Amino acid sequence: MTGFQFPLQKVLDWRRTQLELEEVRFKQQVAALAELDGARARLEAAGMQAELQVRDWSEMRGGDLAALGSFRLDVKQRENQIAARRVECQKSLETQQRIMLEARRRSRLLERLKDRRLAEWQATRDRELEEIASDSFLAKWGR
């Protein structure tokens, strides 16, 4: 009896490769989102630190307050930019997640088909071996 060969093995291999690629893309999107969150946190911390430093100054001038106000506006503008990029990144992440899940579904579908075909092949092989053993026993018994 010949060994088991799954006729769609190349397709299954391609689907697995496609799944791996989509998983890598998903992880890259997650990392990009985390980087944006980190940038926002660092920016927020820098803003708080600058404000605390200015409050600790014993002599404060109007120019210092104006500079602090400008810095606050700049920080707020950057936070808004990061928030807008985060929304876009979150949408891309959700899209990539759907693509990855679809690739996973397609791959698992072929894997289940392969498992089913392998089980059928093994059952057929076992029946053939049983027949051969039975024929051999009957041949010896008949002598």
N, C-alpha and C. Protein backbone atom coordinates (compact mmCIF):
# COMPACT_ATOMS: atom_id res chain seq x y z
N MET A 1 0.84 -1.18 0.00
CA MET A 1 0.00 0.00 0.00
C MET A 1 0.88 1.24 0.00
N THR A 2 0.46 2.23 -0.74
CA THR A 2 1.24 3.47 -0.83
C THR A 2 1.03 4.32 0.41
N GLY A 3 2.00 5.19 0.67
CA GLY A 3 1.91 6.09 1.81
C GLY A 3 0.83 7.15 1.59
N PHE A 4 0.47 7.78 2.67
CA PHE A 4 -0.58 8.80 2.60
C PHE A 4 -0.04 10.04 1.91
N GLN A 5 -0.82 10.53 0.96
CA GLN A 5 -0.49 11.79 0.27
C GLN A 5 -1.75 12.63 0.22
N PHE A 6 -1.64 13.83 0.75
CA PHE A 6 -2.78 14.75 0.73
C PHE A 6 -2.70 15.55 -0.57
N PRO A 7 -3.71 15.45 -1.43
CA PRO A 7 -3.63 16.11 -2.74
C PRO A 7 -3.58 17.65 -2.65
N LEU A 8 -4.03 18.19 -1.55
CA LEU A 8 -4.05 19.65 -1.40
C LEU A 8 -2.93 20.15 -0.48
N GLN A 9 -1.85 19.35 -0.38
CA GLN A 9 -0.76 19.71 0.53
C GLN A 9 -0.12 21.05 0.16
N LYS A 10 0.07 21.30 -1.12
CA LYS A 10 0.67 22.58 -1.53
C LYS A 10 -0.23 23.76 -1.16
N VAL A 11 -1.52 23.56 -1.31
CA VAL A 11 -2.47 24.61 -0.93
C VAL A 11 -2.43 24.83 0.57
N LEU A 12 -2.36 23.73 1.33
CA LEU A 12 -2.29 23.83 2.78
C LEU A 12 -1.00 24.55 3.20
N ASP A 13 0.10 24.21 2.57
CA ASP A 13 1.37 24.89 2.88
C ASP A 13 1.28 26.38 2.57
N TRP A 14 0.66 26.71 1.45
CA TRP A 14 0.49 28.11 1.07
C TRP A 14 -0.39 28.84 2.08
N ARG A 15 -1.46 28.19 2.51
CA ARG A 15 -2.36 28.79 3.50
C ARG A 15 -1.64 29.01 4.83
N ARG A 16 -0.80 28.06 5.22
CA ARG A 16 -0.04 28.22 6.46
C ARG A 16 0.93 29.39 6.35
N THR A 17 1.59 29.50 5.20
CA THR A 17 2.51 30.62 4.98
C THR A 17 1.75 31.94 5.00
N GLN A 18 0.60 31.96 4.38
CA GLN A 18 -0.23 33.16 4.36
C GLN A 18 -0.65 33.52 5.79
N LEU A 19 -1.02 32.53 6.59
CA LEU A 19 -1.41 32.77 7.97
C LEU A 19 -0.24 33.35 8.77
N GLU A 20 0.93 32.78 8.60
CA GLU A 20 2.11 33.29 9.31
C GLU A 20 2.38 34.74 8.94
N LEU A 21 2.25 35.06 7.66
CA LEU A 21 2.46 36.43 7.20
C LEU A 21 1.44 37.38 7.82
N GLU A 22 0.19 36.97 7.85
CA GLU A 22 -0.86 37.82 8.42
C GLU A 22 -0.68 37.98 9.94
N GLU A 23 -0.19 36.93 10.60
CA GLU A 23 0.09 37.04 12.03
C GLU A 23 1.22 38.02 12.30
N VAL A 24 2.24 37.99 11.45
CA VAL A 24 3.35 38.94 11.59
C VAL A 24 2.85 40.37 11.37
N ARG A 25 2.02 40.56 10.37
CA ARG A 25 1.46 41.89 10.12
C ARG A 25 0.62 42.36 11.30
N PHE A 26 -0.16 41.44 11.89
CA PHE A 26 -0.98 41.79 13.05
C PHE A 26 -0.09 42.21 14.22
N LYS A 27 0.97 41.45 14.46
CA LYS A 27 1.89 41.80 15.55
C LYS A 27 2.55 43.15 15.31
N GLN A 28 2.85 43.46 14.05
CA GLN A 28 3.43 44.76 13.73
C GLN A 28 2.43 45.88 14.03
N GLN A 29 1.16 45.65 13.73
CA GLN A 29 0.13 46.65 14.02
C GLN A 29 -0.02 46.84 15.53
N VAL A 30 0.03 45.75 16.28
CA VAL A 30 -0.06 45.83 17.74
C VAL A 30 1.13 46.63 18.28
N ALA A 31 2.32 46.36 17.74
CA ALA A 31 3.52 47.08 18.17
C ALA A 31 3.42 48.57 17.82
N ALA A 32 2.88 48.88 16.65
CA ALA A 32 2.72 50.29 16.26
C ALA A 32 1.75 51.00 17.19
N LEU A 33 0.68 50.32 17.56
CA LEU A 33 -0.30 50.90 18.49
C LEU A 33 0.35 51.12 19.87
N ALA A 34 1.12 50.16 20.31
CA ALA A 34 1.81 50.28 21.60
C ALA A 34 2.82 51.43 21.56
N GLU A 35 3.48 51.60 20.44
CA GLU A 35 4.44 52.69 20.30
C GLU A 35 3.74 54.04 20.38
N LEU A 36 2.58 54.15 19.76
CA LEU A 36 1.81 55.40 19.85
C LEU A 36 1.37 55.67 21.29
N ASP A 37 0.93 54.63 21.98
CA ASP A 37 0.54 54.79 23.38
C ASP A 37 1.73 55.22 24.23
N GLY A 38 2.88 54.64 23.95
CA GLY A 38 4.10 55.02 24.68
C GLY A 38 4.50 56.45 24.40
N ALA A 39 4.40 56.86 23.14
CA ALA A 39 4.74 58.24 22.78
C ALA A 39 3.81 59.22 23.48
N ARG A 40 2.53 58.88 23.54
CA ARG A 40 1.57 59.76 24.21
C ARG A 40 1.89 59.85 25.70
N ALA A 41 2.23 58.73 26.32
CA ALA A 41 2.56 58.73 27.74
C ALA A 41 3.83 59.53 28.02
N ARG A 42 4.83 59.38 27.16
CA ARG A 42 6.08 60.14 27.33
C ARG A 42 5.82 61.64 27.18
N LEU A 43 5.00 61.99 26.21
CA LEU A 43 4.68 63.39 25.98
C LEU A 43 3.91 63.98 27.17
N GLU A 44 2.97 63.22 27.67
CA GLU A 44 2.20 63.66 28.84
C GLU A 44 3.10 63.84 30.06
N ALA A 45 4.02 62.91 30.25
CA ALA A 45 4.96 62.99 31.37
C ALA A 45 5.87 64.21 31.23
N ALA A 46 6.32 64.48 30.01
CA ALA A 46 7.18 65.64 29.79
C ALA A 46 6.42 66.93 30.08
N GLY A 47 5.17 66.99 29.71
CA GLY A 47 4.36 68.17 29.99
C GLY A 47 4.18 68.39 31.48
N MET A 48 3.88 67.32 32.21
CA MET A 48 3.72 67.43 33.66
C MET A 48 5.02 67.84 34.34
N GLN A 49 6.11 67.26 33.88
CA GLN A 49 7.41 67.56 34.47
C GLN A 49 7.78 69.03 34.25
N ALA A 50 7.53 69.53 33.06
CA ALA A 50 7.84 70.93 32.77
C ALA A 50 7.00 71.85 33.64
N GLU A 51 5.75 71.53 33.82
CA GLU A 51 4.87 72.37 34.65
C GLU A 51 5.32 72.34 36.11
N LEU A 52 5.70 71.18 36.60
CA LEU A 52 6.19 71.08 37.98
C LEU A 52 7.48 71.86 38.17
N GLN A 53 8.36 71.81 37.20
CA GLN A 53 9.62 72.56 37.29
C GLN A 53 9.36 74.06 37.32
N VAL A 54 8.45 74.52 36.49
CA VAL A 54 8.15 75.96 36.46
C VAL A 54 7.51 76.39 37.78
N ARG A 55 6.69 75.58 38.34
CA ARG A 55 6.04 75.93 39.62
C ARG A 55 7.05 76.01 40.76
N ASP A 56 8.15 75.25 40.66
CA ASP A 56 9.17 75.26 41.71
C ASP A 56 10.11 76.47 41.62
N TRP A 57 10.06 77.20 40.53
CA TRP A 57 10.94 78.36 40.40
C TRP A 57 10.54 79.42 41.40
N SER A 58 11.54 80.01 42.03
CA SER A 58 11.23 81.06 43.01
C SER A 58 10.92 82.38 42.29
N GLU A 59 11.64 82.66 41.26
CA GLU A 59 11.36 83.88 40.48
C GLU A 59 10.74 83.47 39.15
N MET A 60 9.54 83.93 38.93
CA MET A 60 8.85 83.60 37.70
C MET A 60 8.52 84.91 36.99
N ARG A 61 8.80 84.93 35.72
CA ARG A 61 8.55 86.13 34.93
C ARG A 61 7.41 85.85 33.96
N GLY A 62 6.95 86.90 33.35
CA GLY A 62 5.87 86.77 32.37
C GLY A 62 6.30 85.95 31.16
N GLY A 63 7.57 86.09 30.75
CA GLY A 63 8.09 85.30 29.63
C GLY A 63 8.11 83.83 29.94
N ASP A 64 8.39 83.51 31.21
CA ASP A 64 8.38 82.10 31.62
C ASP A 64 6.98 81.51 31.51
N LEU A 65 6.00 82.28 31.96
CA LEU A 65 4.62 81.82 31.87
C LEU A 65 4.16 81.70 30.42
N ALA A 66 4.61 82.67 29.59
CA ALA A 66 4.26 82.61 28.17
C ALA A 66 4.88 81.38 27.52
N ALA A 67 6.15 81.09 27.88
CA ALA A 67 6.82 79.90 27.33
C ALA A 67 6.12 78.63 27.79
N LEU A 68 5.69 78.60 29.06
CA LEU A 68 4.97 77.44 29.56
C LEU A 68 3.64 77.27 28.82
N GLY A 69 2.96 78.39 28.59
CA GLY A 69 1.70 78.33 27.84
C GLY A 69 1.91 77.81 26.43
N SER A 70 2.96 78.28 25.77
CA SER A 70 3.27 77.80 24.42
C SER A 70 3.60 76.31 24.43
N PHE A 71 4.36 75.92 25.45
CA PHE A 71 4.73 74.51 25.57
C PHE A 71 3.48 73.65 25.77
N ARG A 72 2.57 74.12 26.62
CA ARG A 72 1.32 73.39 26.85
C ARG A 72 0.54 73.23 25.55
N LEU A 73 0.45 74.31 24.78
CA LEU A 73 -0.26 74.24 23.49
C LEU A 73 0.41 73.26 22.54
N ASP A 74 1.75 73.28 22.52
CA ASP A 74 2.49 72.37 21.65
C ASP A 74 2.25 70.91 22.08
N VAL A 75 2.29 70.67 23.38
CA VAL A 75 2.05 69.32 23.90
C VAL A 75 0.64 68.87 23.54
N LYS A 76 -0.34 69.76 23.71
CA LYS A 76 -1.73 69.41 23.38
C LYS A 76 -1.88 69.10 21.90
N GLN A 77 -1.21 69.90 21.05
CA GLN A 77 -1.27 69.66 19.61
C GLN A 77 -0.66 68.31 19.25
N ARG A 78 0.48 67.99 19.85
CA ARG A 78 1.11 66.70 19.59
C ARG A 78 0.24 65.55 20.10
N GLU A 79 -0.38 65.73 21.25
CA GLU A 79 -1.28 64.70 21.77
C GLU A 79 -2.45 64.46 20.82
N ASN A 80 -2.98 65.54 20.26
CA ASN A 80 -4.08 65.40 19.30
C ASN A 80 -3.62 64.67 18.04
N GLN A 81 -2.40 64.97 17.58
CA GLN A 81 -1.86 64.28 16.41
C GLN A 81 -1.68 62.79 16.71
N ILE A 82 -1.14 62.49 17.88
CA ILE A 82 -0.94 61.09 18.26
C ILE A 82 -2.29 60.39 18.38
N ALA A 83 -3.28 61.09 18.95
CA ALA A 83 -4.61 60.49 19.10
C ALA A 83 -5.22 60.18 17.73
N ALA A 84 -5.04 61.10 16.76
CA ALA A 84 -5.57 60.86 15.41
C ALA A 84 -4.86 59.67 14.76
N ARG A 85 -3.54 59.60 14.92
CA ARG A 85 -2.80 58.47 14.36
C ARG A 85 -3.19 57.17 15.05
N ARG A 86 -3.49 57.26 16.35
CA ARG A 86 -3.89 56.06 17.09
C ARG A 86 -5.23 55.53 16.58
N VAL A 87 -6.16 56.43 16.27
CA VAL A 87 -7.46 56.01 15.74
C VAL A 87 -7.26 55.28 14.41
N GLU A 88 -6.42 55.83 13.55
CA GLU A 88 -6.13 55.18 12.26
C GLU A 88 -5.46 53.83 12.48
N CYS A 89 -4.52 53.81 13.40
CA CYS A 89 -3.79 52.57 13.68
C CYS A 89 -4.75 51.52 14.26
N GLN A 90 -5.66 51.93 15.11
CA GLN A 90 -6.64 51.00 15.69
C GLN A 90 -7.53 50.42 14.60
N LYS A 91 -7.94 51.25 13.65
CA LYS A 91 -8.76 50.75 12.53
C LYS A 91 -7.98 49.75 11.70
N SER A 92 -6.72 50.07 11.43
CA SER A 92 -5.86 49.15 10.67
C SER A 92 -5.68 47.84 11.43
N LEU A 93 -5.53 47.94 12.74
CA LEU A 93 -5.37 46.75 13.57
C LEU A 93 -6.61 45.87 13.49
N GLU A 94 -7.77 46.48 13.57
CA GLU A 94 -9.01 45.70 13.49
C GLU A 94 -9.17 45.04 12.12
N THR A 95 -8.81 45.78 11.07
CA THR A 95 -8.87 45.20 9.72
C THR A 95 -7.90 44.04 9.61
N GLN A 96 -6.68 44.23 10.10
CA GLN A 96 -5.67 43.18 10.02
C GLN A 96 -6.08 41.98 10.86
N GLN A 97 -6.76 42.21 11.97
CA GLN A 97 -7.22 41.10 12.79
C GLN A 97 -8.25 40.27 12.03
N ARG A 98 -9.16 40.94 11.32
CA ARG A 98 -10.15 40.20 10.53
C ARG A 98 -9.46 39.39 9.43
N ILE A 99 -8.48 39.97 8.78
CA ILE A 99 -7.74 39.27 7.73
C ILE A 99 -7.02 38.06 8.31
N MET A 100 -6.38 38.24 9.47
CA MET A 100 -5.65 37.15 10.11
C MET A 100 -6.61 36.03 10.52
N LEU A 101 -7.74 36.38 11.08
CA LEU A 101 -8.70 35.36 11.51
C LEU A 101 -9.25 34.59 10.31
N GLU A 102 -9.47 35.29 9.20
CA GLU A 102 -9.94 34.61 7.99
C GLU A 102 -8.87 33.66 7.46
N ALA A 103 -7.61 34.09 7.47
CA ALA A 103 -6.51 33.22 7.04
C ALA A 103 -6.40 32.01 7.96
N ARG A 104 -6.59 32.22 9.25
CA ARG A 104 -6.55 31.10 10.21
C ARG A 104 -7.70 30.13 9.94
N ARG A 105 -8.87 30.66 9.65
CA ARG A 105 -10.04 29.81 9.37
C ARG A 105 -9.78 28.96 8.13
N ARG A 106 -9.24 29.58 7.08
CA ARG A 106 -8.97 28.83 5.84
C ARG A 106 -7.92 27.75 6.07
N SER A 107 -6.91 28.07 6.83
CA SER A 107 -5.86 27.09 7.10
C SER A 107 -6.40 25.93 7.92
N ARG A 108 -7.18 26.23 8.94
CA ARG A 108 -7.73 25.17 9.79
C ARG A 108 -8.71 24.29 9.01
N LEU A 109 -9.43 24.89 8.09
CA LEU A 109 -10.36 24.12 7.27
C LEU A 109 -9.60 23.04 6.48
N LEU A 110 -8.49 23.43 5.86
CA LEU A 110 -7.70 22.46 5.11
C LEU A 110 -7.03 21.45 6.05
N GLU A 111 -6.60 21.90 7.22
CA GLU A 111 -5.99 20.97 8.17
C GLU A 111 -7.00 19.91 8.63
N ARG A 112 -8.23 20.34 8.88
CA ARG A 112 -9.26 19.36 9.28
C ARG A 112 -9.56 18.40 8.13
N LEU A 113 -9.57 18.91 6.90
CA LEU A 113 -9.79 18.05 5.74
C LEU A 113 -8.66 17.03 5.62
N LYS A 114 -7.43 17.49 5.83
CA LYS A 114 -6.28 16.58 5.77
C LYS A 114 -6.39 15.52 6.87
N ASP A 115 -6.76 15.93 8.07
CA ASP A 115 -6.91 14.97 9.17
C ASP A 115 -7.99 13.94 8.86
N ARG A 116 -9.08 14.39 8.28
CA ARG A 116 -10.17 13.48 7.92
C ARG A 116 -9.70 12.48 6.87
N ARG A 117 -9.02 12.99 5.85
CA ARG A 117 -8.52 12.11 4.79
C ARG A 117 -7.48 11.12 5.33
N LEU A 118 -6.64 11.58 6.24
CA LEU A 118 -5.65 10.69 6.85
C LEU A 118 -6.34 9.59 7.65
N ALA A 119 -7.38 9.96 8.39
CA ALA A 119 -8.12 8.96 9.16
C ALA A 119 -8.78 7.94 8.22
N GLU A 120 -9.33 8.40 7.12
CA GLU A 120 -9.93 7.49 6.13
C GLU A 120 -8.88 6.57 5.54
N TRP A 121 -7.71 7.12 5.21
CA TRP A 121 -6.63 6.33 4.64
C TRP A 121 -6.16 5.27 5.64
N GLN A 122 -6.04 5.67 6.91
CA GLN A 122 -5.60 4.73 7.94
C GLN A 122 -6.63 3.61 8.13
N ALA A 123 -7.90 3.96 8.08
CA ALA A 123 -8.95 2.95 8.22
C ALA A 123 -8.90 1.97 7.05
N THR A 124 -8.70 2.48 5.84
CA THR A 124 -8.59 1.63 4.66
C THR A 124 -7.36 0.73 4.76
N ARG A 125 -6.25 1.29 5.19
CA ARG A 125 -5.02 0.52 5.35
C ARG A 125 -5.21 -0.57 6.40
N ASP A 126 -5.86 -0.23 7.49
CA ASP A 126 -6.09 -1.22 8.55
C ASP A 126 -6.99 -2.35 8.04
N ARG A 127 -8.01 -2.01 7.24
CA ARG A 127 -8.88 -3.06 6.68
C ARG A 127 -8.10 -3.96 5.74
N GLU A 128 -7.24 -3.36 4.92
CA GLU A 128 -6.44 -4.17 3.99
C GLU A 128 -5.49 -5.09 4.75
N LEU A 129 -4.87 -4.56 5.80
CA LEU A 129 -3.97 -5.39 6.60
C LEU A 129 -4.74 -6.52 7.28
N GLU A 130 -5.94 -6.21 7.72
CA GLU A 130 -6.80 -7.23 8.34
C GLU A 130 -7.14 -8.31 7.33
N GLU A 131 -7.44 -7.92 6.10
CA GLU A 131 -7.76 -8.90 5.06
C GLU A 131 -6.55 -9.77 4.74
N ILE A 132 -5.39 -9.13 4.64
CA ILE A 132 -4.17 -9.89 4.35
C ILE A 132 -3.88 -10.87 5.47
N ALA A 133 -4.04 -10.42 6.72
CA ALA A 133 -3.80 -11.30 7.87
C ALA A 133 -4.81 -12.44 7.88
N SER A 134 -6.05 -12.13 7.55
CA SER A 134 -7.10 -13.15 7.52
C SER A 134 -6.81 -14.17 6.42
N ASP A 135 -6.45 -13.68 5.23
CA ASP A 135 -6.12 -14.58 4.12
C ASP A 135 -4.93 -15.46 4.47
N SER A 136 -3.94 -14.88 5.12
CA SER A 136 -2.75 -15.64 5.50
C SER A 136 -3.11 -16.72 6.52
N PHE A 137 -3.94 -16.36 7.48
CA PHE A 137 -4.36 -17.33 8.49
C PHE A 137 -5.15 -18.48 7.85
N LEU A 138 -6.08 -18.11 6.93
CA LEU A 138 -6.88 -19.14 6.29
C LEU A 138 -6.03 -20.02 5.39
N ALA A 139 -5.02 -19.43 4.75
CA ALA A 139 -4.16 -20.22 3.89
C ALA A 139 -3.35 -21.25 4.73
N LYS A 140 -2.87 -20.81 5.89
CA LYS A 140 -2.11 -21.72 6.76
C LYS A 140 -3.04 -22.77 7.35
N TRP A 141 -4.24 -22.40 7.71
CA TRP A 141 -5.19 -23.30 8.32
C TRP A 141 -5.68 -24.35 7.33
N GLY A 142 -5.78 -23.91 6.06
CA GLY A 142 -6.24 -24.81 5.02
C GLY A 142 -5.23 -25.86 4.65
N ARG A 143 -3.96 -25.68 4.96
CA ARG A 143 -2.94 -26.66 4.61
C ARG A 143 -3.01 -27.81 5.48
